[in-house]
């Protein structure tokens, strides 16, 4: 987490586009977790374990606060994995200037085919698989609602040309 803050901690476009990365002055310890990020509506918070203060890459838990306490569960075993996945989520949620999305009844493309096309996988978080290649980011997540089943793909790109390449490759509409 230290390295992330040193390199990108002040980058508002990515760290505040959807969820809010807190400045160190706003960090707090709650339930043996160092709270460093909050969901955009305050529904949940994320914190790194402080049980082993010398740990290089502690686990990150998600907490749902209520009036009396916060219930926590481990979301990612490594903070670095959490930050990589969250950075992708933030990129397709407004961090990158050009965005598109699409929904599909079947999986739009397999992880293997994405890798063949130069996409690097960065794991998943809460069902959202994260991929990127230079100037392009996508997330792929299942949709499981009573009235809809399938997949959603969110895309972000640095330029319009980069976004058009993603749209063409994956069959995404305008976002």
N, C-alpha and C. Protein backbone atom coordinates (compact mmCIF):
# COMPACT_ATOMS: atom_id res chain seq x y z
N UNK A 1 0.83 -1.18 0.00
CA UNK A 1 0.00 0.00 0.00
C UNK A 1 0.88 1.25 0.00
N UNK A 2 2.00 1.19 0.71
CA UNK A 2 2.90 2.34 0.75
C UNK A 2 3.35 2.73 -0.65
N UNK A 3 3.76 1.74 -1.44
CA UNK A 3 4.23 2.01 -2.79
C UNK A 3 3.11 2.62 -3.65
N UNK A 4 1.90 2.11 -3.49
CA UNK A 4 0.77 2.64 -4.25
C UNK A 4 0.56 4.12 -3.93
N UNK A 5 0.55 4.45 -2.64
CA UNK A 5 0.35 5.85 -2.26
C UNK A 5 1.48 6.73 -2.76
N UNK A 6 2.71 6.24 -2.72
CA UNK A 6 3.84 7.04 -3.19
C UNK A 6 3.75 7.32 -4.69
N UNK A 7 3.30 6.33 -5.46
CA UNK A 7 3.23 6.48 -6.92
C UNK A 7 1.94 7.15 -7.37
N UNK A 8 0.81 6.73 -6.81
CA UNK A 8 -0.48 7.15 -7.36
C UNK A 8 -1.47 7.68 -6.33
N UNK A 9 -1.06 7.85 -5.11
CA UNK A 9 -1.98 8.24 -4.06
C UNK A 9 -2.68 9.57 -4.25
N UNK A 10 -2.08 10.47 -5.00
CA UNK A 10 -2.69 11.79 -5.22
C UNK A 10 -3.42 11.89 -6.55
N UNK A 11 -3.48 10.81 -7.29
CA UNK A 11 -4.15 10.79 -8.60
C UNK A 11 -5.66 10.74 -8.39
N UNK A 12 -6.32 11.87 -8.42
CA UNK A 12 -7.75 11.94 -8.13
C UNK A 12 -8.61 11.26 -9.19
N UNK A 13 -8.19 11.33 -10.44
CA UNK A 13 -9.00 10.76 -11.52
C UNK A 13 -9.28 9.28 -11.28
N UNK A 14 -8.29 8.54 -10.81
CA UNK A 14 -8.48 7.10 -10.58
C UNK A 14 -8.89 6.78 -9.16
N UNK A 15 -8.46 7.55 -8.20
CA UNK A 15 -8.70 7.20 -6.80
C UNK A 15 -10.01 7.76 -6.25
N UNK A 16 -10.70 8.58 -7.04
CA UNK A 16 -11.96 9.16 -6.58
C UNK A 16 -13.08 9.02 -7.60
N UNK A 17 -12.86 8.29 -8.70
CA UNK A 17 -13.86 8.23 -9.76
C UNK A 17 -15.14 7.51 -9.32
N UNK A 18 -15.05 6.55 -8.47
CA UNK A 18 -16.22 5.81 -7.98
C UNK A 18 -16.08 5.65 -6.46
N UNK A 19 -15.16 4.84 -6.04
CA UNK A 19 -14.89 4.67 -4.62
C UNK A 19 -13.84 5.72 -4.21
N UNK A 20 -13.72 5.98 -2.91
CA UNK A 20 -12.82 7.04 -2.46
C UNK A 20 -11.63 6.49 -1.69
N UNK A 21 -10.45 6.65 -2.26
CA UNK A 21 -9.21 6.34 -1.55
C UNK A 21 -8.97 7.49 -0.58
N UNK A 22 -8.84 7.17 0.68
CA UNK A 22 -8.70 8.21 1.70
C UNK A 22 -7.26 8.69 1.81
N UNK A 23 -7.06 9.98 2.03
CA UNK A 23 -5.70 10.44 2.29
C UNK A 23 -5.26 9.89 3.66
N UNK A 24 -3.97 9.68 3.86
CA UNK A 24 -3.50 9.13 5.15
C UNK A 24 -4.02 9.90 6.36
N UNK A 25 -4.24 11.20 6.23
CA UNK A 25 -4.75 11.99 7.36
C UNK A 25 -6.16 11.56 7.78
N UNK A 26 -6.90 10.88 6.89
CA UNK A 26 -8.26 10.42 7.20
C UNK A 26 -8.33 8.94 7.56
N UNK A 27 -7.19 8.25 7.57
CA UNK A 27 -7.19 6.84 7.94
C UNK A 27 -7.59 6.70 9.40
N UNK A 28 -8.22 5.57 9.70
CA UNK A 28 -8.56 5.25 11.08
C UNK A 28 -8.48 3.74 11.26
N UNK A 29 -8.27 3.31 12.48
CA UNK A 29 -8.25 1.88 12.79
C UNK A 29 -9.60 1.53 13.38
N UNK A 30 -10.23 0.54 12.76
CA UNK A 30 -11.54 0.08 13.20
C UNK A 30 -11.56 -1.44 13.10
N UNK A 31 -11.86 -2.11 14.19
CA UNK A 31 -11.92 -3.57 14.18
C UNK A 31 -10.62 -4.22 13.73
N UNK A 32 -9.49 -3.68 14.16
CA UNK A 32 -8.15 -4.16 13.80
C UNK A 32 -7.87 -4.09 12.30
N UNK A 33 -8.54 -3.13 11.65
CA UNK A 33 -8.32 -2.85 10.22
C UNK A 33 -7.99 -1.37 10.06
N UNK A 34 -6.99 -1.09 9.24
CA UNK A 34 -6.65 0.28 8.90
C UNK A 34 -7.53 0.67 7.72
N UNK A 35 -8.56 1.48 7.96
CA UNK A 35 -9.52 1.86 6.94
C UNK A 35 -8.87 2.90 6.03
N UNK A 36 -8.77 2.57 4.73
CA UNK A 36 -8.10 3.45 3.78
C UNK A 36 -8.96 3.78 2.55
N UNK A 37 -10.15 3.18 2.43
CA UNK A 37 -11.00 3.44 1.28
C UNK A 37 -12.46 3.26 1.69
N UNK A 38 -13.33 4.08 1.06
CA UNK A 38 -14.75 3.94 1.33
C UNK A 38 -15.55 3.95 0.04
N UNK A 39 -16.65 3.24 0.05
CA UNK A 39 -17.55 3.16 -1.09
C UNK A 39 -18.20 4.52 -1.29
N UNK A 40 -18.57 4.84 -2.51
CA UNK A 40 -19.03 6.19 -2.84
C UNK A 40 -20.28 6.64 -2.08
N UNK A 41 -21.08 5.71 -1.58
CA UNK A 41 -22.28 6.08 -0.82
C UNK A 41 -22.13 5.75 0.66
N UNK A 42 -20.95 5.32 1.06
CA UNK A 42 -20.71 4.99 2.46
C UNK A 42 -21.28 3.66 2.89
N UNK A 43 -21.68 2.82 1.93
CA UNK A 43 -22.27 1.52 2.25
C UNK A 43 -21.24 0.56 2.82
N UNK A 44 -20.01 0.63 2.31
CA UNK A 44 -18.96 -0.24 2.83
C UNK A 44 -17.63 0.50 2.87
N UNK A 45 -16.71 -0.07 3.62
CA UNK A 45 -15.36 0.47 3.75
C UNK A 45 -14.37 -0.67 3.56
N UNK A 46 -13.14 -0.32 3.23
CA UNK A 46 -12.10 -1.33 3.06
C UNK A 46 -10.94 -1.00 3.97
N UNK A 47 -10.39 -2.03 4.57
CA UNK A 47 -9.27 -1.83 5.49
C UNK A 47 -8.29 -2.98 5.43
N UNK A 48 -7.02 -2.64 5.68
CA UNK A 48 -5.95 -3.64 5.73
C UNK A 48 -5.74 -4.05 7.19
N UNK A 49 -5.49 -5.32 7.37
CA UNK A 49 -5.28 -5.85 8.71
C UNK A 49 -4.05 -5.19 9.36
N UNK A 50 -4.21 -4.86 10.65
CA UNK A 50 -3.08 -4.33 11.42
C UNK A 50 -2.58 -5.35 12.44
N UNK A 51 -3.04 -6.58 12.33
CA UNK A 51 -2.64 -7.64 13.28
C UNK A 51 -1.15 -7.94 13.21
N UNK A 52 -0.59 -7.87 12.02
CA UNK A 52 0.86 -8.10 11.84
C UNK A 52 1.44 -6.83 11.21
N UNK A 53 1.83 -5.86 12.03
CA UNK A 53 2.24 -4.57 11.50
C UNK A 53 3.43 -4.61 10.54
N UNK A 54 4.23 -5.65 10.61
CA UNK A 54 5.39 -5.75 9.72
C UNK A 54 5.09 -6.50 8.42
N UNK A 55 3.85 -6.95 8.24
CA UNK A 55 3.49 -7.70 7.04
C UNK A 55 3.66 -6.80 5.81
N UNK A 56 4.30 -7.33 4.78
CA UNK A 56 4.53 -6.55 3.56
C UNK A 56 3.26 -6.37 2.74
N UNK A 57 2.38 -7.37 2.73
CA UNK A 57 1.21 -7.34 1.86
C UNK A 57 0.02 -7.94 2.62
N UNK A 58 -0.52 -7.19 3.59
CA UNK A 58 -1.57 -7.74 4.46
C UNK A 58 -2.89 -7.95 3.71
N UNK A 59 -3.76 -8.78 4.26
CA UNK A 59 -5.07 -8.96 3.66
C UNK A 59 -5.92 -7.70 3.77
N UNK A 60 -6.87 -7.56 2.84
CA UNK A 60 -7.82 -6.46 2.87
C UNK A 60 -9.21 -7.04 3.11
N UNK A 61 -9.92 -6.41 4.03
CA UNK A 61 -11.28 -6.82 4.35
C UNK A 61 -12.26 -5.72 3.96
N UNK A 62 -13.48 -6.17 3.70
CA UNK A 62 -14.56 -5.24 3.43
C UNK A 62 -15.45 -5.22 4.65
N UNK A 63 -15.85 -4.02 5.04
CA UNK A 63 -16.72 -3.89 6.20
C UNK A 63 -17.99 -3.16 5.85
N UNK A 64 -19.08 -3.60 6.48
CA UNK A 64 -20.36 -2.91 6.35
C UNK A 64 -20.68 -2.28 7.69
N UNK A 65 -20.45 -0.96 7.77
CA UNK A 65 -20.71 -0.29 9.06
C UNK A 65 -22.20 -0.06 9.29
N UNK A 66 -22.58 -0.14 10.55
CA UNK A 66 -23.92 0.30 10.95
C UNK A 66 -23.74 1.24 12.14
N UNK A 67 -24.80 1.55 12.81
CA UNK A 67 -24.72 2.53 13.90
C UNK A 67 -23.87 2.07 15.07
N UNK A 68 -23.79 0.76 15.28
CA UNK A 68 -23.11 0.25 16.47
C UNK A 68 -21.73 -0.35 16.20
N UNK A 69 -21.57 -1.00 15.05
CA UNK A 69 -20.29 -1.67 14.78
C UNK A 69 -20.16 -1.91 13.28
N UNK A 70 -19.06 -2.53 12.91
CA UNK A 70 -18.81 -2.88 11.52
C UNK A 70 -18.57 -4.38 11.44
N UNK A 71 -19.28 -5.04 10.54
CA UNK A 71 -19.02 -6.47 10.31
C UNK A 71 -18.04 -6.57 9.15
N UNK A 72 -16.99 -7.36 9.33
CA UNK A 72 -15.89 -7.47 8.37
C UNK A 72 -15.79 -8.87 7.79
N UNK A 73 -15.35 -8.98 6.55
CA UNK A 73 -14.96 -10.26 5.97
C UNK A 73 -13.77 -10.01 5.04
N UNK A 74 -12.89 -11.00 4.97
CA UNK A 74 -11.69 -10.88 4.13
C UNK A 74 -12.11 -10.90 2.67
N UNK A 75 -11.70 -9.89 1.93
CA UNK A 75 -12.02 -9.77 0.51
C UNK A 75 -10.87 -10.26 -0.36
N UNK A 76 -9.65 -9.85 -0.04
CA UNK A 76 -8.46 -10.25 -0.78
C UNK A 76 -7.37 -10.59 0.21
N UNK A 77 -6.64 -11.65 -0.08
CA UNK A 77 -5.57 -12.08 0.82
C UNK A 77 -4.36 -11.16 0.77
N UNK A 78 -4.23 -10.39 -0.29
CA UNK A 78 -3.10 -9.47 -0.42
C UNK A 78 -3.60 -8.08 -0.78
N UNK A 79 -3.08 -7.08 -0.11
CA UNK A 79 -3.45 -5.70 -0.39
C UNK A 79 -3.10 -5.33 -1.83
N UNK A 80 -1.96 -5.82 -2.32
CA UNK A 80 -1.56 -5.50 -3.70
C UNK A 80 -2.58 -6.01 -4.71
N UNK A 81 -3.16 -7.19 -4.46
CA UNK A 81 -4.20 -7.72 -5.35
C UNK A 81 -5.46 -6.86 -5.30
N UNK A 82 -5.82 -6.42 -4.10
CA UNK A 82 -6.98 -5.54 -3.94
C UNK A 82 -6.78 -4.25 -4.72
N UNK A 83 -5.62 -3.62 -4.54
CA UNK A 83 -5.35 -2.34 -5.19
C UNK A 83 -5.33 -2.47 -6.71
N UNK A 84 -4.78 -3.57 -7.24
CA UNK A 84 -4.77 -3.78 -8.69
C UNK A 84 -6.18 -3.93 -9.23
N UNK A 85 -7.00 -4.74 -8.57
CA UNK A 85 -8.39 -4.93 -9.01
C UNK A 85 -9.19 -3.63 -8.87
N UNK A 86 -9.01 -2.92 -7.77
CA UNK A 86 -9.74 -1.67 -7.55
C UNK A 86 -9.33 -0.61 -8.56
N UNK A 87 -8.07 -0.56 -8.93
CA UNK A 87 -7.61 0.39 -9.93
C UNK A 87 -8.33 0.15 -11.26
N UNK A 88 -8.51 -1.12 -11.63
CA UNK A 88 -9.25 -1.45 -12.86
C UNK A 88 -10.71 -1.03 -12.75
N UNK A 89 -11.31 -1.31 -11.61
CA UNK A 89 -12.71 -0.92 -11.37
C UNK A 89 -12.86 0.59 -11.49
N UNK A 90 -11.94 1.32 -10.87
CA UNK A 90 -11.99 2.77 -10.92
C UNK A 90 -11.78 3.30 -12.35
N UNK A 91 -10.90 2.64 -13.10
CA UNK A 91 -10.61 3.07 -14.48
C UNK A 91 -11.86 3.02 -15.35
N UNK A 92 -12.67 1.95 -15.22
CA UNK A 92 -13.87 1.82 -16.05
C UNK A 92 -15.09 2.52 -15.43
N UNK A 93 -14.88 3.14 -14.27
CA UNK A 93 -15.95 3.88 -13.60
C UNK A 93 -15.73 5.39 -13.68
N UNK A 94 -14.94 5.81 -14.66
CA UNK A 94 -14.73 7.23 -14.86
C UNK A 94 -13.29 7.67 -14.75
N UNK A 95 -12.41 6.79 -14.33
CA UNK A 95 -11.00 7.15 -14.23
C UNK A 95 -10.35 7.40 -15.58
N UNK A 96 -10.77 6.65 -16.58
CA UNK A 96 -10.30 6.88 -17.94
C UNK A 96 -11.32 7.75 -18.67
N UNK A 97 -10.87 8.57 -19.61
CA UNK A 97 -11.79 9.54 -20.23
C UNK A 97 -12.80 8.96 -21.21
N UNK A 98 -12.55 7.78 -21.76
CA UNK A 98 -13.46 7.22 -22.77
C UNK A 98 -13.98 5.88 -22.26
N UNK A 99 -15.31 5.76 -22.18
CA UNK A 99 -15.95 4.60 -21.55
C UNK A 99 -17.00 3.97 -22.46
N UNK A 100 -17.20 2.67 -22.29
CA UNK A 100 -18.27 1.95 -22.99
C UNK A 100 -18.68 0.78 -22.11
N UNK A 101 -19.84 0.23 -22.38
CA UNK A 101 -20.29 -0.95 -21.65
C UNK A 101 -21.15 -1.79 -22.57
N UNK A 102 -21.33 -3.01 -22.17
CA UNK A 102 -22.19 -3.90 -22.92
C UNK A 102 -22.68 -5.03 -22.03
N UNK A 103 -23.81 -5.61 -22.40
CA UNK A 103 -24.32 -6.78 -21.71
C UNK A 103 -24.48 -7.89 -22.72
N UNK A 104 -24.23 -9.10 -22.28
CA UNK A 104 -24.25 -10.27 -23.14
C UNK A 104 -24.97 -11.40 -22.43
N UNK A 105 -25.70 -12.22 -23.20
CA UNK A 105 -26.37 -13.37 -22.58
C UNK A 105 -25.40 -14.51 -22.34
N UNK A 106 -24.33 -14.58 -23.11
CA UNK A 106 -23.27 -15.58 -22.89
C UNK A 106 -21.97 -14.82 -22.63
N UNK A 107 -21.00 -15.51 -22.06
CA UNK A 107 -19.71 -14.88 -21.79
C UNK A 107 -19.16 -14.28 -23.09
N UNK A 108 -18.81 -12.98 -23.08
CA UNK A 108 -18.37 -12.32 -24.31
C UNK A 108 -17.04 -12.84 -24.85
N UNK A 109 -16.15 -13.28 -23.97
CA UNK A 109 -14.85 -13.78 -24.40
C UNK A 109 -14.19 -14.48 -23.22
N UNK A 110 -13.49 -15.54 -23.49
CA UNK A 110 -12.85 -16.29 -22.40
C UNK A 110 -11.55 -15.62 -21.97
N UNK A 111 -11.13 -15.93 -20.76
CA UNK A 111 -9.86 -15.41 -20.26
C UNK A 111 -8.71 -15.85 -21.15
N UNK A 112 -8.79 -17.07 -21.66
CA UNK A 112 -7.73 -17.58 -22.55
C UNK A 112 -7.65 -16.75 -23.83
N UNK A 113 -8.80 -16.45 -24.43
CA UNK A 113 -8.80 -15.65 -25.67
C UNK A 113 -8.36 -14.22 -25.41
N UNK A 114 -8.72 -13.68 -24.25
CA UNK A 114 -8.25 -12.34 -23.91
C UNK A 114 -6.72 -12.34 -23.81
N UNK A 115 -6.16 -13.35 -23.16
CA UNK A 115 -4.70 -13.44 -23.04
C UNK A 115 -4.05 -13.55 -24.41
N UNK A 116 -4.66 -14.33 -25.31
CA UNK A 116 -4.12 -14.44 -26.67
C UNK A 116 -4.12 -13.10 -27.40
N UNK A 117 -5.03 -12.22 -27.02
CA UNK A 117 -5.15 -10.90 -27.66
C UNK A 117 -4.38 -9.81 -26.91
N UNK A 118 -3.55 -10.21 -25.98
CA UNK A 118 -2.69 -9.25 -25.29
C UNK A 118 -3.24 -8.65 -24.02
N UNK A 119 -4.38 -9.13 -23.55
CA UNK A 119 -4.94 -8.63 -22.30
C UNK A 119 -4.29 -9.35 -21.13
N UNK A 120 -3.85 -8.63 -20.12
CA UNK A 120 -3.28 -9.23 -18.92
C UNK A 120 -4.35 -9.24 -17.83
N UNK A 121 -4.53 -10.39 -17.22
CA UNK A 121 -5.51 -10.51 -16.14
C UNK A 121 -4.93 -10.07 -14.81
N UNK A 122 -5.74 -9.38 -14.03
CA UNK A 122 -5.34 -8.92 -12.71
C UNK A 122 -6.25 -9.46 -11.63
N UNK A 123 -6.80 -10.65 -11.88
CA UNK A 123 -7.66 -11.28 -10.88
C UNK A 123 -9.06 -10.73 -10.92
N UNK A 124 -9.79 -11.02 -9.85
CA UNK A 124 -11.16 -10.55 -9.76
C UNK A 124 -11.44 -10.08 -8.36
N UNK A 125 -12.48 -9.29 -8.27
CA UNK A 125 -12.93 -8.82 -6.97
C UNK A 125 -14.45 -8.81 -6.99
N UNK A 126 -15.03 -9.56 -6.08
CA UNK A 126 -16.48 -9.65 -5.96
C UNK A 126 -17.12 -10.02 -7.30
N UNK A 127 -16.48 -10.95 -8.03
CA UNK A 127 -17.03 -11.45 -9.28
C UNK A 127 -16.65 -10.66 -10.51
N UNK A 128 -16.00 -9.53 -10.36
CA UNK A 128 -15.61 -8.68 -11.48
C UNK A 128 -14.16 -9.02 -11.87
N UNK A 129 -13.99 -9.66 -13.03
CA UNK A 129 -12.65 -10.00 -13.52
C UNK A 129 -12.05 -8.78 -14.20
N UNK A 130 -10.77 -8.54 -13.96
CA UNK A 130 -10.11 -7.32 -14.41
C UNK A 130 -8.99 -7.63 -15.40
N UNK A 131 -8.95 -6.87 -16.50
CA UNK A 131 -7.95 -7.06 -17.55
C UNK A 131 -7.50 -5.70 -18.06
N UNK A 132 -6.25 -5.65 -18.52
CA UNK A 132 -5.79 -4.43 -19.17
C UNK A 132 -4.66 -4.73 -20.14
N UNK A 133 -4.45 -3.78 -21.01
CA UNK A 133 -3.30 -3.73 -21.89
C UNK A 133 -3.04 -2.23 -22.08
N UNK A 134 -1.95 -1.84 -22.70
CA UNK A 134 -1.64 -0.41 -22.74
C UNK A 134 -2.83 0.46 -23.19
N UNK A 135 -3.16 1.41 -22.35
CA UNK A 135 -4.21 2.41 -22.60
C UNK A 135 -5.63 1.86 -22.61
N UNK A 136 -5.84 0.61 -22.24
CA UNK A 136 -7.17 -0.01 -22.29
C UNK A 136 -7.40 -0.87 -21.05
N UNK A 137 -8.62 -0.80 -20.51
CA UNK A 137 -9.01 -1.58 -19.34
C UNK A 137 -10.41 -2.13 -19.58
N UNK A 138 -10.63 -3.38 -19.18
CA UNK A 138 -11.99 -3.92 -19.18
C UNK A 138 -12.22 -4.70 -17.88
N UNK A 139 -13.47 -4.74 -17.48
CA UNK A 139 -13.90 -5.63 -16.41
C UNK A 139 -15.08 -6.44 -16.94
N UNK A 140 -15.14 -7.69 -16.52
CA UNK A 140 -16.20 -8.60 -16.97
C UNK A 140 -16.82 -9.21 -15.72
N UNK A 141 -18.14 -9.12 -15.61
CA UNK A 141 -18.82 -9.63 -14.42
C UNK A 141 -20.13 -10.31 -14.80
N UNK A 142 -20.47 -11.37 -14.08
CA UNK A 142 -21.77 -12.01 -14.32
C UNK A 142 -22.90 -11.14 -13.78
N UNK A 143 -24.04 -11.19 -14.46
CA UNK A 143 -25.25 -10.53 -14.01
C UNK A 143 -26.20 -11.63 -13.56
N UNK A 144 -26.65 -11.57 -12.34
CA UNK A 144 -27.56 -12.60 -11.84
C UNK A 144 -28.71 -11.92 -11.09
N UNK A 145 -29.59 -11.35 -11.86
CA UNK A 145 -30.76 -10.71 -11.31
C UNK A 145 -31.98 -11.54 -11.66
N UNK A 146 -33.05 -11.45 -10.90
CA UNK A 146 -34.24 -12.26 -11.20
C UNK A 146 -34.76 -12.05 -12.63
N UNK A 147 -34.60 -10.85 -13.18
CA UNK A 147 -35.12 -10.55 -14.51
C UNK A 147 -34.05 -10.57 -15.60
N UNK A 148 -32.79 -10.78 -15.23
CA UNK A 148 -31.71 -10.75 -16.24
C UNK A 148 -30.58 -11.68 -15.84
N UNK A 149 -30.07 -12.38 -16.82
CA UNK A 149 -28.91 -13.24 -16.62
C UNK A 149 -27.94 -12.97 -17.76
N UNK A 150 -26.67 -13.10 -17.48
CA UNK A 150 -25.68 -12.90 -18.53
C UNK A 150 -24.42 -12.29 -17.99
N UNK A 151 -23.82 -11.42 -18.79
CA UNK A 151 -22.54 -10.81 -18.46
C UNK A 151 -22.57 -9.33 -18.78
N UNK A 152 -21.84 -8.57 -18.00
CA UNK A 152 -21.65 -7.16 -18.30
C UNK A 152 -20.16 -6.90 -18.49
N UNK A 153 -19.84 -6.10 -19.47
CA UNK A 153 -18.46 -5.70 -19.73
C UNK A 153 -18.40 -4.19 -19.66
N UNK A 154 -17.48 -3.68 -18.85
CA UNK A 154 -17.21 -2.25 -18.77
C UNK A 154 -15.83 -2.01 -19.35
N UNK A 155 -15.70 -0.98 -20.14
CA UNK A 155 -14.42 -0.68 -20.79
C UNK A 155 -14.06 0.78 -20.59
N UNK A 156 -12.76 1.01 -20.48
CA UNK A 156 -12.23 2.36 -20.40
C UNK A 156 -10.96 2.44 -21.22
N UNK A 157 -10.74 3.61 -21.81
CA UNK A 157 -9.55 3.79 -22.66
C UNK A 157 -9.04 5.21 -22.56
N UNK A 158 -7.76 5.35 -22.86
CA UNK A 158 -7.13 6.67 -22.82
C UNK A 158 -7.57 7.55 -23.98
N UNK A 159 -7.75 6.96 -25.16
CA UNK A 159 -8.15 7.74 -26.34
C UNK A 159 -9.41 7.14 -26.96
N UNK A 160 -10.06 7.92 -27.81
CA UNK A 160 -11.22 7.41 -28.55
C UNK A 160 -10.82 6.23 -29.43
N UNK A 161 -9.66 6.32 -30.02
CA UNK A 161 -9.18 5.23 -30.89
C UNK A 161 -8.99 3.93 -30.09
N UNK A 162 -8.43 4.06 -28.88
CA UNK A 162 -8.27 2.88 -28.02
C UNK A 162 -9.63 2.27 -27.66
N UNK A 163 -10.61 3.12 -27.39
CA UNK A 163 -11.95 2.63 -27.05
C UNK A 163 -12.61 1.98 -28.26
N UNK A 164 -12.46 2.57 -29.42
CA UNK A 164 -13.04 1.97 -30.63
C UNK A 164 -12.45 0.58 -30.88
N UNK A 165 -11.18 0.40 -30.58
CA UNK A 165 -10.56 -0.93 -30.74
C UNK A 165 -11.21 -1.95 -29.81
N UNK A 166 -11.49 -1.55 -28.58
CA UNK A 166 -12.16 -2.45 -27.63
C UNK A 166 -13.58 -2.75 -28.12
N UNK A 167 -14.31 -1.72 -28.51
CA UNK A 167 -15.68 -1.91 -29.00
C UNK A 167 -15.72 -2.90 -30.15
N UNK A 168 -14.83 -2.72 -31.09
CA UNK A 168 -14.79 -3.60 -32.25
C UNK A 168 -14.45 -5.04 -31.85
N UNK A 169 -13.47 -5.18 -31.01
CA UNK A 169 -13.01 -6.50 -30.59
C UNK A 169 -14.05 -7.27 -29.80
N UNK A 170 -14.75 -6.58 -28.89
CA UNK A 170 -15.70 -7.25 -27.99
C UNK A 170 -17.16 -7.05 -28.37
N UNK A 171 -17.43 -6.21 -29.35
CA UNK A 171 -18.81 -5.97 -29.76
C UNK A 171 -19.59 -5.11 -28.77
N UNK A 172 -18.93 -4.12 -28.18
CA UNK A 172 -19.59 -3.24 -27.21
C UNK A 172 -20.28 -2.09 -27.91
N UNK A 173 -21.36 -1.64 -27.32
CA UNK A 173 -22.05 -0.46 -27.82
C UNK A 173 -21.46 0.80 -27.22
N UNK A 174 -22.06 1.91 -27.52
CA UNK A 174 -21.62 3.18 -26.94
C UNK A 174 -21.97 3.21 -25.47
N UNK A 175 -21.08 3.77 -24.66
CA UNK A 175 -21.30 3.83 -23.23
C UNK A 175 -21.67 5.20 -22.77
